[in-house]
Amino acid sequence: MARDSQSSVIYTPMEFGLEIYIVLSILYIVMMPMMMSTSLDFQLAETVGLFVIGGFIGYAMDYYLMGFLFAAIMHFMFWSHGGD
């Protein structure tokens, strides 16, 4: 937290809260099929499930960034390369 020298207002840095987690998760889920050149149903259920689990982990740890990192890393670990 920082204190402004001209007033007694305390400024807090932006926190990575639930709203930001949801927005980034939706952007990630929508953008990944485009960046990977796959169809929109690219393991959609598994990806959404991982981000829901990541949300629960973030809630339990009171740190949603950790949940987002968990979901993104797990997504890349479980990502199948088409017909391989």
N, C-alpha and C. Protein backbone atom coordinates (compact mmCIF):
# COMPACT_ATOMS: atom_id res chain seq x y z
N MET A 1 0.84 -1.17 0.00
CA MET A 1 0.00 0.00 0.00
C MET A 1 0.89 1.24 0.00
N ALA A 2 0.43 2.22 -0.70
CA ALA A 2 1.18 3.47 -0.78
C ALA A 2 0.31 4.61 -0.27
N ARG A 3 0.96 5.57 0.31
CA ARG A 3 0.23 6.72 0.84
C ARG A 3 0.62 7.94 0.02
N ASP A 4 -0.39 8.67 -0.43
CA ASP A 4 -0.17 9.89 -1.19
C ASP A 4 0.35 10.96 -0.23
N SER A 5 1.40 11.68 -0.66
CA SER A 5 2.00 12.67 0.23
C SER A 5 1.10 13.89 0.43
N GLN A 6 0.15 14.15 -0.48
CA GLN A 6 -0.71 15.32 -0.38
C GLN A 6 -1.97 15.08 0.44
N SER A 7 -2.36 13.83 0.60
CA SER A 7 -3.58 13.55 1.35
C SER A 7 -3.39 12.31 2.21
N SER A 8 -4.41 11.98 2.95
CA SER A 8 -4.32 10.80 3.81
C SER A 8 -4.99 9.59 3.16
N VAL A 9 -5.18 9.62 1.85
CA VAL A 9 -5.80 8.51 1.15
C VAL A 9 -4.77 7.41 0.93
N ILE A 10 -5.16 6.19 1.23
CA ILE A 10 -4.27 5.05 1.04
C ILE A 10 -4.67 4.37 -0.26
N TYR A 11 -3.70 4.20 -1.16
CA TYR A 11 -3.94 3.54 -2.44
C TYR A 11 -3.49 2.08 -2.34
N THR A 12 -4.34 1.19 -2.78
CA THR A 12 -3.98 -0.22 -2.80
C THR A 12 -3.80 -0.65 -4.25
N PRO A 13 -2.83 -1.50 -4.52
CA PRO A 13 -2.64 -1.97 -5.89
C PRO A 13 -3.81 -2.85 -6.33
N MET A 14 -4.01 -2.94 -7.63
CA MET A 14 -5.10 -3.76 -8.15
C MET A 14 -4.86 -5.22 -7.80
N GLU A 15 -5.87 -5.87 -7.31
CA GLU A 15 -5.74 -7.26 -6.93
C GLU A 15 -6.25 -8.15 -8.05
N PHE A 16 -5.70 -9.34 -8.14
CA PHE A 16 -6.13 -10.34 -9.11
C PHE A 16 -7.30 -11.09 -8.50
N GLY A 17 -8.49 -10.51 -8.58
CA GLY A 17 -9.67 -11.07 -7.95
C GLY A 17 -10.45 -11.98 -8.86
N LEU A 18 -11.62 -12.37 -8.39
CA LEU A 18 -12.47 -13.30 -9.12
C LEU A 18 -12.90 -12.74 -10.47
N GLU A 19 -13.23 -11.45 -10.53
CA GLU A 19 -13.69 -10.86 -11.78
C GLU A 19 -12.60 -10.92 -12.85
N ILE A 20 -11.38 -10.57 -12.47
CA ILE A 20 -10.27 -10.62 -13.41
C ILE A 20 -9.98 -12.06 -13.80
N TYR A 21 -10.09 -12.99 -12.85
CA TYR A 21 -9.88 -14.41 -13.16
C TYR A 21 -10.88 -14.90 -14.21
N ILE A 22 -12.14 -14.53 -14.04
CA ILE A 22 -13.17 -14.96 -14.99
C ILE A 22 -12.91 -14.37 -16.37
N VAL A 23 -12.59 -13.09 -16.44
CA VAL A 23 -12.35 -12.44 -17.73
C VAL A 23 -11.14 -13.07 -18.42
N LEU A 24 -10.04 -13.25 -17.70
CA LEU A 24 -8.85 -13.84 -18.31
C LEU A 24 -9.09 -15.29 -18.72
N SER A 25 -9.86 -16.02 -17.93
CA SER A 25 -10.16 -17.40 -18.28
C SER A 25 -10.98 -17.48 -19.57
N ILE A 26 -11.98 -16.63 -19.69
CA ILE A 26 -12.79 -16.62 -20.91
C ILE A 26 -11.95 -16.22 -22.11
N LEU A 27 -11.12 -15.20 -21.96
CA LEU A 27 -10.23 -14.80 -23.05
C LEU A 27 -9.28 -15.94 -23.44
N TYR A 28 -8.74 -16.63 -22.47
CA TYR A 28 -7.83 -17.73 -22.72
C TYR A 28 -8.55 -18.85 -23.47
N ILE A 29 -9.75 -19.21 -23.00
CA ILE A 29 -10.50 -20.31 -23.62
C ILE A 29 -10.92 -19.95 -25.04
N VAL A 30 -11.26 -18.70 -25.29
CA VAL A 30 -11.68 -18.28 -26.63
C VAL A 30 -10.48 -18.11 -27.56
N MET A 31 -9.36 -17.60 -27.06
CA MET A 31 -8.22 -17.30 -27.91
C MET A 31 -7.35 -18.52 -28.23
N MET A 32 -7.25 -19.48 -27.34
CA MET A 32 -6.36 -20.61 -27.58
C MET A 32 -6.69 -21.40 -28.85
N PRO A 33 -7.95 -21.72 -29.15
CA PRO A 33 -8.21 -22.43 -30.41
C PRO A 33 -7.77 -21.64 -31.64
N MET A 34 -7.89 -20.31 -31.59
CA MET A 34 -7.46 -19.49 -32.72
C MET A 34 -5.94 -19.50 -32.85
N MET A 35 -5.23 -19.43 -31.74
CA MET A 35 -3.78 -19.41 -31.79
C MET A 35 -3.21 -20.78 -32.14
N MET A 36 -3.91 -21.83 -31.78
CA MET A 36 -3.43 -23.18 -32.06
C MET A 36 -3.96 -23.71 -33.39
N SER A 37 -4.74 -22.91 -34.11
CA SER A 37 -5.32 -23.29 -35.40
C SER A 37 -6.12 -24.58 -35.30
N THR A 38 -6.99 -24.64 -34.30
CA THR A 38 -7.86 -25.79 -34.14
C THR A 38 -9.30 -25.31 -34.12
N SER A 39 -10.21 -26.24 -34.05
CA SER A 39 -11.62 -25.87 -34.03
C SER A 39 -12.00 -25.32 -32.66
N LEU A 40 -13.18 -24.68 -32.60
CA LEU A 40 -13.62 -24.05 -31.35
C LEU A 40 -13.94 -25.08 -30.28
N ASP A 41 -14.31 -26.29 -30.70
CA ASP A 41 -14.61 -27.32 -29.71
C ASP A 41 -13.36 -28.06 -29.24
N PHE A 42 -12.21 -27.44 -29.42
CA PHE A 42 -10.91 -27.97 -29.03
C PHE A 42 -10.89 -28.27 -27.53
N GLN A 43 -11.25 -29.48 -27.20
CA GLN A 43 -11.29 -29.94 -25.81
C GLN A 43 -11.96 -28.93 -24.89
N LEU A 44 -13.08 -28.41 -25.34
CA LEU A 44 -13.74 -27.32 -24.61
C LEU A 44 -14.15 -27.73 -23.21
N ALA A 45 -14.75 -28.92 -23.08
CA ALA A 45 -15.20 -29.36 -21.76
C ALA A 45 -14.03 -29.53 -20.80
N GLU A 46 -12.94 -30.11 -21.29
CA GLU A 46 -11.76 -30.31 -20.43
C GLU A 46 -11.14 -28.97 -20.03
N THR A 47 -11.08 -28.05 -20.98
CA THR A 47 -10.48 -26.74 -20.70
C THR A 47 -11.32 -25.97 -19.69
N VAL A 48 -12.63 -25.95 -19.88
CA VAL A 48 -13.51 -25.26 -18.93
C VAL A 48 -13.41 -25.92 -17.56
N GLY A 49 -13.37 -27.25 -17.54
CA GLY A 49 -13.23 -27.96 -16.27
C GLY A 49 -11.94 -27.60 -15.55
N LEU A 50 -10.85 -27.50 -16.29
CA LEU A 50 -9.58 -27.12 -15.66
C LEU A 50 -9.63 -25.73 -15.07
N PHE A 51 -10.31 -24.80 -15.77
CA PHE A 51 -10.39 -23.44 -15.25
C PHE A 51 -11.36 -23.34 -14.07
N VAL A 52 -12.36 -24.20 -14.03
CA VAL A 52 -13.23 -24.24 -12.84
C VAL A 52 -12.44 -24.77 -11.66
N ILE A 53 -11.67 -25.83 -11.88
CA ILE A 53 -10.82 -26.35 -10.80
C ILE A 53 -9.79 -25.30 -10.38
N GLY A 54 -9.22 -24.60 -11.37
CA GLY A 54 -8.28 -23.52 -11.04
C GLY A 54 -8.94 -22.42 -10.23
N GLY A 55 -10.20 -22.12 -10.52
CA GLY A 55 -10.94 -21.13 -9.73
C GLY A 55 -11.11 -21.57 -8.28
N PHE A 56 -11.42 -22.87 -8.09
CA PHE A 56 -11.54 -23.39 -6.73
C PHE A 56 -10.20 -23.35 -5.99
N ILE A 57 -9.13 -23.67 -6.71
CA ILE A 57 -7.81 -23.61 -6.09
C ILE A 57 -7.46 -22.17 -5.72
N GLY A 58 -7.76 -21.23 -6.63
CA GLY A 58 -7.52 -19.82 -6.33
C GLY A 58 -8.33 -19.33 -5.15
N TYR A 59 -9.58 -19.79 -5.06
CA TYR A 59 -10.43 -19.41 -3.92
C TYR A 59 -9.89 -20.00 -2.62
N ALA A 60 -9.48 -21.25 -2.67
CA ALA A 60 -8.98 -21.91 -1.46
C ALA A 60 -7.68 -21.26 -0.98
N MET A 61 -6.85 -20.83 -1.92
CA MET A 61 -5.57 -20.22 -1.54
C MET A 61 -5.69 -18.71 -1.37
N ASP A 62 -6.88 -18.15 -1.70
CA ASP A 62 -7.12 -16.72 -1.65
C ASP A 62 -6.12 -15.98 -2.55
N TYR A 63 -5.82 -16.62 -3.71
CA TYR A 63 -4.85 -16.06 -4.65
C TYR A 63 -5.20 -16.63 -6.03
N TYR A 64 -6.06 -15.91 -6.76
CA TYR A 64 -6.58 -16.42 -8.01
C TYR A 64 -5.52 -16.55 -9.10
N LEU A 65 -4.44 -15.81 -9.00
CA LEU A 65 -3.38 -15.94 -9.98
C LEU A 65 -2.80 -17.36 -9.96
N MET A 66 -2.67 -17.94 -8.79
CA MET A 66 -2.16 -19.31 -8.68
C MET A 66 -3.12 -20.29 -9.34
N GLY A 67 -4.41 -20.07 -9.19
CA GLY A 67 -5.40 -20.92 -9.85
C GLY A 67 -5.34 -20.79 -11.36
N PHE A 68 -5.13 -19.56 -11.85
CA PHE A 68 -5.03 -19.34 -13.29
C PHE A 68 -3.78 -20.02 -13.85
N LEU A 69 -2.66 -19.88 -13.16
CA LEU A 69 -1.44 -20.54 -13.60
C LEU A 69 -1.59 -22.06 -13.59
N PHE A 70 -2.26 -22.59 -12.57
CA PHE A 70 -2.51 -24.03 -12.52
C PHE A 70 -3.31 -24.47 -13.75
N ALA A 71 -4.39 -23.76 -14.05
CA ALA A 71 -5.24 -24.14 -15.16
C ALA A 71 -4.52 -24.03 -16.50
N ALA A 72 -3.74 -22.97 -16.70
CA ALA A 72 -3.02 -22.80 -17.96
C ALA A 72 -1.95 -23.87 -18.13
N ILE A 73 -1.21 -24.18 -17.08
CA ILE A 73 -0.17 -25.20 -17.17
C ILE A 73 -0.79 -26.57 -17.39
N MET A 74 -1.86 -26.89 -16.67
CA MET A 74 -2.53 -28.17 -16.87
C MET A 74 -3.12 -28.28 -18.27
N HIS A 75 -3.60 -27.17 -18.82
CA HIS A 75 -4.14 -27.18 -20.18
C HIS A 75 -3.06 -27.58 -21.17
N PHE A 76 -1.87 -27.03 -21.03
CA PHE A 76 -0.79 -27.39 -21.94
C PHE A 76 -0.30 -28.81 -21.70
N MET A 77 -0.36 -29.29 -20.47
CA MET A 77 0.06 -30.67 -20.20
C MET A 77 -0.91 -31.67 -20.81
N PHE A 78 -2.21 -31.38 -20.77
CA PHE A 78 -3.22 -32.31 -21.28
C PHE A 78 -3.60 -32.07 -22.72
N TRP A 79 -3.02 -31.06 -23.36
CA TRP A 79 -3.37 -30.72 -24.73
C TRP A 79 -2.91 -31.83 -25.66
N SER A 80 -3.85 -32.33 -26.46
CA SER A 80 -3.48 -33.34 -27.45
C SER A 80 -3.26 -32.65 -28.79
N HIS A 81 -2.30 -33.11 -29.53
CA HIS A 81 -1.92 -32.49 -30.79
C HIS A 81 -2.71 -33.13 -31.94
N GLY A 82 -4.01 -33.00 -31.92
CA GLY A 82 -4.83 -33.54 -33.00
C GLY A 82 -4.91 -35.05 -32.94
N GLY A 83 -4.48 -35.70 -34.00
CA GLY A 83 -4.60 -37.15 -34.09
C GLY A 83 -3.43 -37.92 -33.50
N ASP A 84 -2.50 -37.25 -32.86
CA ASP A 84 -1.33 -37.95 -32.29
C ASP A 84 -1.73 -38.87 -31.18
